[in-house]
Amino acid sequence: MRVRCRLLDHLGDSVPIDGADGALWQARLEWQCSDARLDLRVLAAEPVDMPEAEASEPVAGAIARVVAATKGSHALILLANPNEALGPARIALADGVRLFAITQEADLACWDAALALGVPVYGVRGCLVADLVRARPANLLSALAYGGALCCDGLEPVALLEDRHGVRWTLPVPGEGAVIVRQGFEIARIAGSEGQWIDRGNEGYIRMELRTAAGNCWTQPRFIAQRRG
């Protein structure tokens, strides 16, 4: 079943899911730390007790306390201001964060910097679209945790199929797929209503940016093991 969720549009303690029964529970932790402002969102199927802010601690320490508080709860942590809180050079300090909000190009640079380190973190922008076996908040959380949600802004692919060799896509109208690899480099553009990328084995990771006149769709990254020989 296909569900949709505009996660970044909701700042309260409930995030509605279009097409599902129930909603995500959310806690927003907007803290002024000793070195920067931190905006975290904690997402779960059920409420989780959250720690209090400590103005004397740095961002990295605050993130570590929230990660510890959510351990064993199946909650996900979203960093809503990755560039402001840490920036690309310090993004490895977001250890335990599974989602990054992408609201500007600088946030995109933080995401690609984390991916280049091999960190399994997934992007959130536009409308999250996921195909679930059961349309429940817990299933959506699982999809988000493992990169199973597309980020759509006016464009939802007809099909997006991944296997161990590469990725194929079908668009509702002719458009273009851009292949993005380590550190955000674009290495190919594939035009048409259908496209395919066969992994070379040296990309580190790839993610796709699909575009048509109607809008854009951003896929989550796929990490690619180095091929021998």
N, C-alpha and C. Protein backbone atom coordinates (compact mmCIF):
# COMPACT_ATOMS: atom_id res chain seq x y z
N MET A 1 0.85 -1.19 0.00
CA MET A 1 0.00 0.00 0.00
C MET A 1 0.88 1.24 0.00
N ARG A 2 0.51 2.21 -0.79
CA ARG A 2 1.31 3.43 -0.89
C ARG A 2 0.82 4.47 0.11
N VAL A 3 1.75 5.02 0.89
CA VAL A 3 1.42 6.07 1.85
C VAL A 3 2.30 7.28 1.55
N ARG A 4 1.85 8.43 2.03
CA ARG A 4 2.57 9.68 1.83
C ARG A 4 2.59 10.45 3.14
N CYS A 5 3.68 11.16 3.36
CA CYS A 5 3.84 11.91 4.61
C CYS A 5 4.72 13.12 4.36
N ARG A 6 4.21 14.31 4.69
CA ARG A 6 5.00 15.53 4.56
C ARG A 6 5.60 15.83 5.94
N LEU A 7 6.65 15.11 6.25
CA LEU A 7 7.22 15.08 7.59
C LEU A 7 7.68 16.45 8.07
N LEU A 8 8.33 17.21 7.22
CA LEU A 8 8.91 18.48 7.65
C LEU A 8 7.88 19.58 7.83
N ASP A 9 6.66 19.36 7.36
CA ASP A 9 5.61 20.38 7.47
C ASP A 9 4.95 20.39 8.84
N HIS A 10 5.20 19.38 9.66
CA HIS A 10 4.49 19.24 10.93
C HIS A 10 5.47 19.34 12.09
N LEU A 11 5.22 20.30 13.00
CA LEU A 11 6.12 20.54 14.12
C LEU A 11 5.54 20.09 15.45
N GLY A 12 4.30 19.64 15.45
CA GLY A 12 3.66 19.22 16.69
C GLY A 12 4.01 17.79 17.06
N ASP A 13 3.24 17.22 18.00
CA ASP A 13 3.56 15.88 18.49
C ASP A 13 2.90 14.78 17.68
N SER A 14 2.26 15.11 16.57
CA SER A 14 1.63 14.11 15.72
C SER A 14 1.86 14.46 14.26
N VAL A 15 2.31 13.49 13.50
CA VAL A 15 2.57 13.68 12.07
C VAL A 15 1.63 12.78 11.29
N PRO A 16 0.63 13.33 10.59
CA PRO A 16 -0.32 12.49 9.86
C PRO A 16 0.33 11.76 8.69
N ILE A 17 -0.22 10.60 8.37
CA ILE A 17 0.25 9.78 7.25
C ILE A 17 -0.93 9.56 6.31
N ASP A 18 -0.83 10.09 5.11
CA ASP A 18 -1.90 9.92 4.13
C ASP A 18 -1.91 8.48 3.63
N GLY A 19 -3.05 7.80 3.82
CA GLY A 19 -3.18 6.43 3.37
C GLY A 19 -2.93 5.38 4.43
N ALA A 20 -2.67 5.83 5.67
CA ALA A 20 -2.39 4.88 6.75
C ALA A 20 -3.32 5.13 7.92
N ASP A 21 -3.48 4.10 8.73
CA ASP A 21 -4.23 4.22 9.97
C ASP A 21 -3.28 4.70 11.07
N GLY A 22 -3.60 5.83 11.67
CA GLY A 22 -2.76 6.35 12.72
C GLY A 22 -1.77 7.39 12.22
N ALA A 23 -0.91 7.86 13.11
CA ALA A 23 0.06 8.91 12.81
C ALA A 23 1.36 8.60 13.54
N LEU A 24 2.43 9.25 13.11
CA LEU A 24 3.70 9.15 13.81
C LEU A 24 3.69 10.06 15.03
N TRP A 25 4.24 9.57 16.13
CA TRP A 25 4.50 10.44 17.28
C TRP A 25 5.81 11.18 17.03
N GLN A 26 5.84 12.44 17.43
CA GLN A 26 7.04 13.25 17.20
C GLN A 26 7.34 14.14 18.41
N ALA A 27 8.61 14.24 18.72
CA ALA A 27 9.07 15.22 19.70
C ALA A 27 10.07 16.13 19.01
N ARG A 28 9.86 17.44 19.11
CA ARG A 28 10.81 18.38 18.53
C ARG A 28 11.69 18.93 19.63
N LEU A 29 12.99 18.76 19.47
CA LEU A 29 13.97 19.24 20.44
C LEU A 29 14.76 20.37 19.78
N GLU A 30 14.34 21.58 20.01
CA GLU A 30 15.03 22.75 19.45
C GLU A 30 15.83 23.38 20.58
N TRP A 31 17.11 23.07 20.61
CA TRP A 31 17.97 23.44 21.72
C TRP A 31 19.08 24.39 21.26
N GLN A 32 19.41 25.34 22.10
CA GLN A 32 20.58 26.18 21.88
C GLN A 32 21.73 25.57 22.65
N CYS A 33 22.64 24.95 21.94
CA CYS A 33 23.80 24.31 22.56
C CYS A 33 24.94 25.32 22.69
N SER A 34 26.03 24.91 23.28
CA SER A 34 27.13 25.84 23.53
C SER A 34 27.81 26.30 22.25
N ASP A 35 27.72 25.48 21.18
CA ASP A 35 28.41 25.84 19.95
C ASP A 35 27.50 26.13 18.76
N ALA A 36 26.22 25.78 18.84
CA ALA A 36 25.30 26.03 17.72
C ALA A 36 23.88 25.70 18.15
N ARG A 37 22.93 26.10 17.31
CA ARG A 37 21.53 25.71 17.53
C ARG A 37 21.32 24.31 16.98
N LEU A 38 20.56 23.51 17.70
CA LEU A 38 20.28 22.13 17.30
C LEU A 38 18.78 21.95 17.16
N ASP A 39 18.35 21.39 16.03
CA ASP A 39 16.93 21.11 15.79
C ASP A 39 16.80 19.62 15.47
N LEU A 40 16.37 18.85 16.47
CA LEU A 40 16.18 17.42 16.30
C LEU A 40 14.69 17.09 16.34
N ARG A 41 14.28 16.09 15.57
CA ARG A 41 12.94 15.53 15.66
C ARG A 41 13.10 14.04 15.97
N VAL A 42 12.40 13.58 16.98
CA VAL A 42 12.38 12.16 17.32
C VAL A 42 11.05 11.58 16.89
N LEU A 43 11.09 10.54 16.08
CA LEU A 43 9.89 9.94 15.49
C LEU A 43 9.73 8.53 16.03
N ALA A 44 8.51 8.18 16.39
CA ALA A 44 8.26 6.85 16.94
C ALA A 44 6.80 6.49 16.74
N ALA A 45 6.48 5.22 16.94
CA ALA A 45 5.09 4.78 16.88
C ALA A 45 4.37 5.11 18.18
N GLU A 46 5.11 5.17 19.29
CA GLU A 46 4.57 5.47 20.61
C GLU A 46 5.44 6.52 21.28
N PRO A 47 4.91 7.30 22.24
CA PRO A 47 5.71 8.32 22.92
C PRO A 47 6.95 7.74 23.61
N VAL A 48 8.02 8.53 23.59
CA VAL A 48 9.29 8.17 24.21
C VAL A 48 9.70 9.31 25.14
N ASP A 49 10.19 8.99 26.32
CA ASP A 49 10.66 10.03 27.24
C ASP A 49 11.92 10.68 26.69
N MET A 50 11.93 12.01 26.69
CA MET A 50 13.04 12.76 26.13
C MET A 50 13.83 13.47 27.23
N PRO A 51 15.14 13.63 27.04
CA PRO A 51 15.95 14.37 28.02
C PRO A 51 15.70 15.87 27.91
N GLU A 52 16.15 16.60 28.92
CA GLU A 52 16.04 18.05 28.92
C GLU A 52 17.27 18.67 28.27
N ALA A 53 17.12 19.90 27.81
CA ALA A 53 18.25 20.62 27.20
C ALA A 53 19.30 20.97 28.25
N GLU A 54 20.56 20.99 27.81
CA GLU A 54 21.69 21.43 28.64
C GLU A 54 22.46 22.46 27.84
N ALA A 55 22.28 23.73 28.18
CA ALA A 55 22.87 24.81 27.38
C ALA A 55 24.39 24.77 27.34
N SER A 56 25.01 24.14 28.32
CA SER A 56 26.48 24.14 28.40
C SER A 56 27.13 23.09 27.51
N GLU A 57 26.34 22.15 26.96
CA GLU A 57 26.93 21.07 26.18
C GLU A 57 26.95 21.40 24.69
N PRO A 58 27.92 20.86 23.97
CA PRO A 58 27.97 21.07 22.51
C PRO A 58 26.94 20.21 21.79
N VAL A 59 26.77 20.50 20.51
CA VAL A 59 25.81 19.76 19.69
C VAL A 59 26.07 18.26 19.73
N ALA A 60 27.33 17.87 19.60
CA ALA A 60 27.65 16.44 19.57
C ALA A 60 27.20 15.74 20.85
N GLY A 61 27.40 16.40 21.99
CA GLY A 61 26.98 15.80 23.25
C GLY A 61 25.47 15.70 23.36
N ALA A 62 24.77 16.71 22.88
CA ALA A 62 23.31 16.69 22.91
C ALA A 62 22.77 15.56 22.05
N ILE A 63 23.33 15.41 20.86
CA ILE A 63 22.88 14.32 19.98
C ILE A 63 23.13 12.97 20.66
N ALA A 64 24.29 12.81 21.28
CA ALA A 64 24.61 11.54 21.93
C ALA A 64 23.64 11.23 23.05
N ARG A 65 23.20 12.24 23.81
CA ARG A 65 22.24 12.00 24.89
C ARG A 65 20.88 11.56 24.34
N VAL A 66 20.46 12.18 23.24
CA VAL A 66 19.17 11.82 22.65
C VAL A 66 19.24 10.41 22.06
N VAL A 67 20.36 10.08 21.42
CA VAL A 67 20.53 8.72 20.89
C VAL A 67 20.45 7.71 22.02
N ALA A 68 21.09 8.00 23.15
CA ALA A 68 21.05 7.08 24.30
C ALA A 68 19.64 6.95 24.85
N ALA A 69 18.90 8.07 24.87
CA ALA A 69 17.54 8.05 25.42
C ALA A 69 16.58 7.24 24.56
N THR A 70 16.84 7.15 23.27
CA THR A 70 15.93 6.44 22.36
C THR A 70 16.36 5.00 22.10
N LYS A 71 17.46 4.57 22.69
CA LYS A 71 17.96 3.22 22.44
C LYS A 71 16.92 2.18 22.86
N GLY A 72 16.65 1.24 21.98
CA GLY A 72 15.71 0.17 22.26
C GLY A 72 14.25 0.53 22.04
N SER A 73 13.97 1.76 21.61
CA SER A 73 12.59 2.20 21.45
C SER A 73 12.10 2.11 20.00
N HIS A 74 12.99 1.79 19.06
CA HIS A 74 12.69 1.77 17.63
C HIS A 74 12.36 3.17 17.10
N ALA A 75 12.74 4.20 17.85
CA ALA A 75 12.53 5.57 17.38
C ALA A 75 13.61 5.95 16.38
N LEU A 76 13.29 6.92 15.52
CA LEU A 76 14.26 7.47 14.57
C LEU A 76 14.52 8.92 14.92
N ILE A 77 15.77 9.34 14.72
CA ILE A 77 16.15 10.72 14.99
C ILE A 77 16.42 11.42 13.67
N LEU A 78 15.78 12.56 13.48
CA LEU A 78 15.95 13.38 12.29
C LEU A 78 16.67 14.67 12.69
N LEU A 79 17.76 14.97 12.01
CA LEU A 79 18.47 16.24 12.21
C LEU A 79 17.92 17.23 11.20
N ALA A 80 17.16 18.21 11.71
CA ALA A 80 16.45 19.13 10.82
C ALA A 80 17.32 20.28 10.32
N ASN A 81 18.48 20.52 10.92
CA ASN A 81 19.37 21.61 10.48
C ASN A 81 20.82 21.13 10.42
N PRO A 82 21.13 20.16 9.56
CA PRO A 82 22.47 19.58 9.56
C PRO A 82 23.58 20.59 9.30
N ASN A 83 23.39 21.53 8.40
CA ASN A 83 24.46 22.48 8.12
C ASN A 83 24.65 23.46 9.26
N GLU A 84 23.56 23.98 9.79
CA GLU A 84 23.66 24.94 10.89
C GLU A 84 24.23 24.29 12.14
N ALA A 85 23.83 23.07 12.43
CA ALA A 85 24.26 22.41 13.66
C ALA A 85 25.70 21.90 13.59
N LEU A 86 26.10 21.36 12.42
CA LEU A 86 27.42 20.74 12.34
C LEU A 86 28.22 21.16 11.11
N GLY A 87 27.60 21.20 9.96
CA GLY A 87 28.32 21.48 8.73
C GLY A 87 29.00 20.23 8.20
N PRO A 88 29.41 20.23 6.92
CA PRO A 88 29.99 19.03 6.30
C PRO A 88 31.23 18.52 7.02
N ALA A 89 32.08 19.41 7.51
CA ALA A 89 33.34 18.98 8.11
C ALA A 89 33.15 18.24 9.43
N ARG A 90 32.05 18.50 10.13
CA ARG A 90 31.82 17.89 11.44
C ARG A 90 30.63 16.93 11.43
N ILE A 91 30.13 16.58 10.26
CA ILE A 91 28.88 15.84 10.19
C ILE A 91 29.01 14.43 10.76
N ALA A 92 30.22 13.90 10.86
CA ALA A 92 30.40 12.58 11.46
C ALA A 92 29.97 12.56 12.93
N LEU A 93 29.88 13.73 13.56
CA LEU A 93 29.46 13.82 14.96
C LEU A 93 27.97 13.56 15.13
N ALA A 94 27.24 13.46 14.03
CA ALA A 94 25.81 13.14 14.10
C ALA A 94 25.61 11.63 14.19
N ASP A 95 26.46 10.97 14.92
CA ASP A 95 26.42 9.52 15.04
C ASP A 95 25.12 9.08 15.70
N GLY A 96 24.41 8.17 15.06
CA GLY A 96 23.14 7.69 15.59
C GLY A 96 21.92 8.35 14.97
N VAL A 97 22.12 9.44 14.24
CA VAL A 97 21.04 10.11 13.52
C VAL A 97 20.80 9.34 12.22
N ARG A 98 19.55 9.03 11.92
CA ARG A 98 19.26 8.22 10.73
C ARG A 98 18.69 9.04 9.58
N LEU A 99 18.18 10.27 9.86
CA LEU A 99 17.53 11.09 8.83
C LEU A 99 18.08 12.50 8.87
N PHE A 100 18.32 13.08 7.70
CA PHE A 100 18.70 14.48 7.55
C PHE A 100 17.61 15.21 6.77
N ALA A 101 17.18 16.35 7.27
CA ALA A 101 16.31 17.23 6.48
C ALA A 101 17.16 17.94 5.43
N ILE A 102 16.68 17.99 4.21
CA ILE A 102 17.38 18.67 3.12
C ILE A 102 16.51 19.86 2.71
N THR A 103 16.84 21.04 3.21
CA THR A 103 16.07 22.24 2.91
C THR A 103 16.87 23.27 2.12
N GLN A 104 18.17 23.04 1.96
CA GLN A 104 19.02 23.96 1.21
C GLN A 104 20.23 23.18 0.69
N GLU A 105 20.96 23.80 -0.23
CA GLU A 105 22.11 23.12 -0.82
C GLU A 105 23.16 22.76 0.22
N ALA A 106 23.32 23.58 1.25
CA ALA A 106 24.31 23.29 2.28
C ALA A 106 23.96 22.02 3.05
N ASP A 107 22.66 21.77 3.25
CA ASP A 107 22.25 20.52 3.89
C ASP A 107 22.56 19.33 3.00
N LEU A 108 22.40 19.52 1.70
CA LEU A 108 22.70 18.46 0.74
C LEU A 108 24.18 18.10 0.81
N ALA A 109 25.04 19.10 0.98
CA ALA A 109 26.48 18.86 1.11
C ALA A 109 26.78 18.06 2.37
N CYS A 110 26.05 18.34 3.45
CA CYS A 110 26.23 17.57 4.69
C CYS A 110 25.84 16.12 4.48
N TRP A 111 24.74 15.91 3.77
CA TRP A 111 24.27 14.55 3.51
C TRP A 111 25.30 13.78 2.71
N ASP A 112 25.80 14.38 1.64
CA ASP A 112 26.77 13.68 0.81
C ASP A 112 28.08 13.45 1.58
N ALA A 113 28.45 14.37 2.47
CA ALA A 113 29.65 14.16 3.28
C ALA A 113 29.48 12.96 4.21
N ALA A 114 28.29 12.81 4.80
CA ALA A 114 28.02 11.66 5.67
C ALA A 114 28.00 10.37 4.86
N LEU A 115 27.38 10.40 3.69
CA LEU A 115 27.32 9.20 2.86
C LEU A 115 28.70 8.77 2.40
N ALA A 116 29.58 9.73 2.13
CA ALA A 116 30.94 9.42 1.71
C ALA A 116 31.71 8.69 2.80
N LEU A 117 31.29 8.87 4.05
CA LEU A 117 31.91 8.17 5.18
C LEU A 117 31.30 6.78 5.38
N GLY A 118 30.31 6.44 4.57
CA GLY A 118 29.65 5.15 4.69
C GLY A 118 28.57 5.11 5.74
N VAL A 119 28.11 6.28 6.18
CA VAL A 119 27.08 6.35 7.22
C VAL A 119 25.71 6.14 6.59
N PRO A 120 24.91 5.19 7.06
CA PRO A 120 23.57 4.96 6.49
C PRO A 120 22.56 5.97 6.99
N VAL A 121 22.56 7.14 6.36
CA VAL A 121 21.64 8.21 6.73
C VAL A 121 20.82 8.56 5.49
N TYR A 122 19.55 8.89 5.69
CA TYR A 122 18.65 9.07 4.56
C TYR A 122 18.06 10.48 4.57
N GLY A 123 17.76 10.98 3.38
CA GLY A 123 17.32 12.35 3.21
C GLY A 123 15.81 12.49 3.33
N VAL A 124 15.40 13.66 3.83
CA VAL A 124 13.97 13.98 3.95
C VAL A 124 13.74 15.35 3.32
N ARG A 125 12.92 15.38 2.30
CA ARG A 125 12.52 16.63 1.65
C ARG A 125 11.21 16.38 0.91
N GLY A 126 10.45 17.42 0.68
CA GLY A 126 9.20 17.28 -0.05
C GLY A 126 8.27 16.30 0.63
N CYS A 127 7.62 15.47 -0.18
CA CYS A 127 6.67 14.48 0.33
C CYS A 127 7.33 13.11 0.32
N LEU A 128 7.36 12.45 1.47
CA LEU A 128 7.89 11.10 1.55
C LEU A 128 6.84 10.12 1.02
N VAL A 129 7.25 9.26 0.11
CA VAL A 129 6.34 8.28 -0.50
C VAL A 129 6.93 6.90 -0.29
N ALA A 130 6.13 6.00 0.30
CA ALA A 130 6.62 4.65 0.58
C ALA A 130 5.54 3.63 0.27
N ASP A 131 5.95 2.50 -0.25
CA ASP A 131 5.05 1.36 -0.48
C ASP A 131 5.25 0.38 0.66
N LEU A 132 4.20 0.15 1.45
CA LEU A 132 4.28 -0.67 2.65
C LEU A 132 3.43 -1.93 2.51
N VAL A 133 3.84 -2.98 3.18
CA VAL A 133 3.04 -4.20 3.24
C VAL A 133 1.76 -3.93 4.04
N ARG A 134 1.90 -3.21 5.16
CA ARG A 134 0.76 -2.81 5.97
C ARG A 134 0.88 -1.31 6.24
N ALA A 135 -0.21 -0.60 6.06
CA ALA A 135 -0.19 0.86 6.18
C ALA A 135 -0.33 1.27 7.65
N ARG A 136 0.76 1.11 8.40
CA ARG A 136 0.79 1.46 9.81
C ARG A 136 1.99 2.36 10.08
N PRO A 137 1.93 3.20 11.13
CA PRO A 137 3.07 4.04 11.47
C PRO A 137 4.36 3.25 11.67
N ALA A 138 4.28 2.10 12.33
CA ALA A 138 5.48 1.30 12.57
C ALA A 138 6.12 0.84 11.27
N ASN A 139 5.30 0.51 10.27
CA ASN A 139 5.85 0.09 8.98
C ASN A 139 6.51 1.25 8.26
N LEU A 140 5.94 2.44 8.38
CA LEU A 140 6.57 3.61 7.78
C LEU A 140 7.91 3.91 8.45
N LEU A 141 7.96 3.79 9.77
CA LEU A 141 9.23 3.99 10.48
C LEU A 141 10.29 3.03 9.97
N SER A 142 9.91 1.78 9.77
CA SER A 142 10.86 0.79 9.26
C SER A 142 11.34 1.16 7.87
N ALA A 143 10.43 1.62 7.02
CA ALA A 143 10.82 2.05 5.67
C ALA A 143 11.79 3.23 5.73
N LEU A 144 11.52 4.19 6.60
CA LEU A 144 12.41 5.34 6.74
C LEU A 144 13.78 4.92 7.26
N ALA A 145 13.80 3.97 8.17
CA ALA A 145 15.05 3.54 8.79
C ALA A 145 15.99 2.86 7.80
N TYR A 146 15.43 2.26 6.75
CA TYR A 146 16.25 1.50 5.81
C TYR A 146 16.22 2.07 4.39
N GLY A 147 15.87 3.36 4.28
CA GLY A 147 15.93 4.00 2.98
C GLY A 147 14.86 3.58 2.02
N GLY A 148 13.67 3.23 2.54
CA GLY A 148 12.61 2.74 1.68
C GLY A 148 11.57 3.77 1.32
N ALA A 149 11.90 5.06 1.40
CA ALA A 149 10.94 6.11 1.05
C ALA A 149 11.56 7.07 0.04
N LEU A 150 10.83 7.38 -1.00
CA LEU A 150 11.24 8.38 -1.97
C LEU A 150 10.87 9.77 -1.48
N CYS A 151 11.63 10.76 -1.90
CA CYS A 151 11.31 12.16 -1.61
C CYS A 151 10.78 12.78 -2.90
N CYS A 152 9.52 13.17 -2.89
CA CYS A 152 8.86 13.60 -4.12
C CYS A 152 8.37 15.04 -4.01
N ASP A 153 8.54 15.78 -5.09
CA ASP A 153 8.03 17.14 -5.19
C ASP A 153 7.41 17.29 -6.57
N GLY A 154 6.15 16.84 -6.70
CA GLY A 154 5.45 16.93 -7.97
C GLY A 154 5.69 15.77 -8.91
N LEU A 155 6.58 14.85 -8.54
CA LEU A 155 6.89 13.71 -9.41
C LEU A 155 6.99 12.44 -8.58
N GLU A 156 6.17 11.45 -8.92
CA GLU A 156 6.27 10.11 -8.37
C GLU A 156 6.54 9.16 -9.53
N PRO A 157 7.65 8.45 -9.51
CA PRO A 157 7.94 7.51 -10.60
C PRO A 157 6.86 6.43 -10.72
N VAL A 158 6.63 5.98 -11.93
CA VAL A 158 5.72 4.85 -12.13
C VAL A 158 6.33 3.60 -11.51
N ALA A 159 7.66 3.46 -11.63
CA ALA A 159 8.36 2.31 -11.05
C ALA A 159 9.80 2.71 -10.76
N LEU A 160 10.34 2.15 -9.69
CA LEU A 160 11.75 2.31 -9.35
C LEU A 160 12.20 0.97 -8.77
N LEU A 161 13.05 0.27 -9.51
CA LEU A 161 13.44 -1.09 -9.15
C LEU A 161 14.94 -1.16 -8.94
N GLU A 162 15.34 -1.70 -7.80
CA GLU A 162 16.76 -1.85 -7.49
C GLU A 162 17.07 -3.32 -7.28
N ASP A 163 18.27 -3.71 -7.70
CA ASP A 163 18.78 -5.04 -7.39
C ASP A 163 20.28 -4.91 -7.15
N ARG A 164 20.97 -6.01 -7.03
CA ARG A 164 22.40 -5.95 -6.70
C ARG A 164 23.25 -5.43 -7.85
N HIS A 165 22.66 -5.28 -9.04
CA HIS A 165 23.41 -4.83 -10.20
C HIS A 165 23.21 -3.34 -10.49
N GLY A 166 22.08 -2.77 -10.08
CA GLY A 166 21.83 -1.39 -10.41
C GLY A 166 20.41 -0.98 -10.11
N VAL A 167 19.96 0.04 -10.81
CA VAL A 167 18.62 0.58 -10.57
C VAL A 167 17.97 0.93 -11.91
N ARG A 168 16.66 0.70 -12.01
CA ARG A 168 15.89 1.05 -13.20
C ARG A 168 14.70 1.89 -12.78
N TRP A 169 14.28 2.78 -13.65
CA TRP A 169 13.14 3.63 -13.31
C TRP A 169 12.27 3.88 -14.54
N THR A 170 11.02 4.15 -14.26
CA THR A 170 10.06 4.53 -15.29
C THR A 170 9.34 5.78 -14.79
N LEU A 171 9.30 6.82 -15.62
CA LEU A 171 8.67 8.08 -15.28
C LEU A 171 7.31 8.19 -15.99
N PRO A 172 6.38 8.95 -15.45
CA PRO A 172 5.07 9.08 -16.10
C PRO A 172 5.13 9.83 -17.42
N VAL A 173 6.12 10.68 -17.60
CA VAL A 173 6.35 11.41 -18.84
C VAL A 173 7.86 11.47 -19.06
N PRO A 174 8.31 11.76 -20.27
CA PRO A 174 9.76 11.85 -20.49
C PRO A 174 10.40 12.89 -19.58
N GLY A 175 11.59 12.54 -19.10
CA GLY A 175 12.33 13.44 -18.22
C GLY A 175 13.79 13.08 -18.23
N GLU A 176 14.41 13.11 -17.04
CA GLU A 176 15.85 12.89 -16.97
C GLU A 176 16.19 12.33 -15.59
N GLY A 177 17.14 11.42 -15.57
CA GLY A 177 17.66 10.90 -14.32
C GLY A 177 19.12 11.26 -14.19
N ALA A 178 19.48 11.92 -13.10
CA ALA A 178 20.87 12.27 -12.84
C ALA A 178 21.43 11.30 -11.79
N VAL A 179 22.61 10.74 -12.07
CA VAL A 179 23.26 9.78 -11.17
C VAL A 179 24.28 10.54 -10.32
N ILE A 180 24.08 10.53 -9.00
CA ILE A 180 24.94 11.24 -8.07
C ILE A 180 25.74 10.22 -7.27
N VAL A 181 27.05 10.46 -7.14
CA VAL A 181 27.91 9.53 -6.41
C VAL A 181 28.68 10.27 -5.32
N ARG A 182 29.72 9.63 -4.81
CA ARG A 182 30.49 10.10 -3.66
C ARG A 182 30.78 11.60 -3.72
N GLN A 183 30.54 12.27 -2.55
CA GLN A 183 30.75 13.71 -2.39
C GLN A 183 29.85 14.55 -3.30
N GLY A 184 28.75 13.98 -3.78
CA GLY A 184 27.77 14.75 -4.52
C GLY A 184 28.10 14.97 -5.98
N PHE A 185 29.04 14.22 -6.54
CA PHE A 185 29.40 14.41 -7.94
C PHE A 185 28.36 13.75 -8.85
N GLU A 186 27.96 14.48 -9.89
CA GLU A 186 27.06 13.94 -10.90
C GLU A 186 27.90 13.30 -12.00
N ILE A 187 27.64 12.01 -12.26
CA ILE A 187 28.48 11.31 -13.24
C ILE A 187 27.72 10.92 -14.50
N ALA A 188 26.40 11.06 -14.51
CA ALA A 188 25.66 10.71 -15.72
C ALA A 188 24.28 11.35 -15.69
N ARG A 189 23.76 11.62 -16.89
CA ARG A 189 22.37 12.03 -17.07
C ARG A 189 21.76 11.14 -18.13
N ILE A 190 20.60 10.60 -17.79
CA ILE A 190 19.95 9.65 -18.68
C ILE A 190 18.55 10.18 -19.00
N ALA A 191 18.30 10.51 -20.26
CA ALA A 191 17.05 11.14 -20.65
C ALA A 191 16.04 10.10 -21.13
N GLY A 192 14.75 10.47 -21.04
CA GLY A 192 13.69 9.61 -21.53
C GLY A 192 12.69 9.29 -20.43
N SER A 193 11.67 8.52 -20.77
CA SER A 193 10.69 8.13 -19.77
C SER A 193 11.13 6.89 -19.00
N GLU A 194 12.17 6.20 -19.48
CA GLU A 194 12.74 5.05 -18.79
C GLU A 194 14.25 5.19 -18.75
N GLY A 195 14.85 4.65 -17.71
CA GLY A 195 16.30 4.70 -17.62
C GLY A 195 16.83 3.58 -16.75
N GLN A 196 18.13 3.36 -16.86
CA GLN A 196 18.78 2.31 -16.09
C GLN A 196 20.22 2.70 -15.79
N TRP A 197 20.67 2.35 -14.58
CA TRP A 197 22.07 2.53 -14.22
C TRP A 197 22.61 1.19 -13.75
N ILE A 198 23.70 0.75 -14.36
CA ILE A 198 24.38 -0.47 -13.95
C ILE A 198 25.60 -0.07 -13.11
N ASP A 199 25.68 -0.59 -11.91
CA ASP A 199 26.77 -0.21 -11.03
C ASP A 199 28.12 -0.56 -11.63
N ARG A 200 29.07 0.35 -11.45
CA ARG A 200 30.43 0.11 -11.90
C ARG A 200 31.26 -0.59 -10.81
N GLY A 201 30.86 -0.39 -9.56
CA GLY A 201 31.57 -1.01 -8.45
C GLY A 201 32.53 -0.10 -7.74
N ASN A 202 32.71 1.13 -8.25
CA ASN A 202 33.65 2.06 -7.59
C ASN A 202 32.97 3.35 -7.14
N GLU A 203 31.63 3.36 -7.15
CA GLU A 203 30.92 4.60 -6.84
C GLU A 203 30.88 4.92 -5.34
N GLY A 204 31.01 3.92 -4.50
CA GLY A 204 30.84 4.14 -3.05
C GLY A 204 29.36 4.10 -2.69
N TYR A 205 28.62 4.99 -3.27
CA TYR A 205 27.16 4.97 -3.19
C TYR A 205 26.63 5.70 -4.42
N ILE A 206 25.38 5.46 -4.73
CA ILE A 206 24.72 6.30 -5.73
C ILE A 206 23.35 6.69 -5.19
N ARG A 207 22.90 7.83 -5.62
CA ARG A 207 21.51 8.24 -5.43
C ARG A 207 21.06 8.89 -6.73
N MET A 208 19.76 8.88 -6.97
CA MET A 208 19.22 9.39 -8.21
C MET A 208 18.43 10.66 -7.97
N GLU A 209 18.54 11.59 -8.88
CA GLU A 209 17.69 12.78 -8.91
C GLU A 209 16.91 12.71 -10.22
N LEU A 210 15.61 12.41 -10.12
CA LEU A 210 14.75 12.27 -11.29
C LEU A 210 13.98 13.56 -11.51
N ARG A 211 13.88 13.98 -12.76
CA ARG A 211 13.28 15.28 -13.07
C ARG A 211 12.38 15.18 -14.29
N THR A 212 11.24 15.85 -14.22
CA THR A 212 10.39 16.08 -15.38
C THR A 212 9.90 17.51 -15.28
N ALA A 213 9.14 17.94 -16.28
CA ALA A 213 8.58 19.29 -16.24
C ALA A 213 7.62 19.45 -15.07
N ALA A 214 7.05 18.34 -14.60
CA ALA A 214 6.06 18.40 -13.51
C ALA A 214 6.69 18.52 -12.13
N GLY A 215 7.95 18.07 -11.98
CA GLY A 215 8.56 18.11 -10.66
C GLY A 215 9.78 17.24 -10.56
N ASN A 216 10.17 16.94 -9.32
CA ASN A 216 11.40 16.21 -9.04
C ASN A 216 11.13 15.06 -8.07
N CYS A 217 12.01 14.09 -8.12
CA CYS A 217 11.99 12.99 -7.16
C CYS A 217 13.44 12.65 -6.83
N TRP A 218 13.72 12.48 -5.54
CA TRP A 218 15.06 12.14 -5.08
C TRP A 218 15.01 10.77 -4.41
N THR A 219 15.85 9.86 -4.86
CA THR A 219 15.88 8.54 -4.24
C THR A 219 16.83 8.55 -3.05
N GLN A 220 16.72 7.52 -2.24
CA GLN A 220 17.66 7.33 -1.15
C GLN A 220 18.93 6.65 -1.69
N PRO A 221 20.03 6.78 -0.98
CA PRO A 221 21.29 6.20 -1.48
C PRO A 221 21.32 4.69 -1.42
N ARG A 222 22.04 4.10 -2.33
CA ARG A 222 22.36 2.68 -2.29
C ARG A 222 23.88 2.57 -2.19
N PHE A 223 24.34 1.87 -1.17
CA PHE A 223 25.77 1.69 -0.97
C PHE A 223 26.25 0.52 -1.81
N ILE A 224 27.37 0.71 -2.48
CA ILE A 224 27.86 -0.26 -3.46
C ILE A 224 29.20 -0.81 -3.00
N ALA A 225 29.28 -2.11 -2.85
CA ALA A 225 30.52 -2.75 -2.43
C ALA A 225 31.53 -2.71 -3.58
N GLN A 226 32.78 -2.49 -3.22
CA GLN A 226 33.85 -2.47 -4.21
C GLN A 226 33.96 -3.83 -4.88
N ARG A 227 33.97 -3.84 -6.21
CA ARG A 227 34.11 -5.10 -6.93
C ARG A 227 35.58 -5.47 -7.07
N ARG A 228 35.83 -6.74 -6.93
CA ARG A 228 37.20 -7.23 -7.09
C ARG A 228 37.46 -7.59 -8.54
N GLY A 229 38.70 -7.39 -8.94
CA GLY A 229 39.09 -7.75 -10.30
C GLY A 229 38.62 -6.76 -11.30
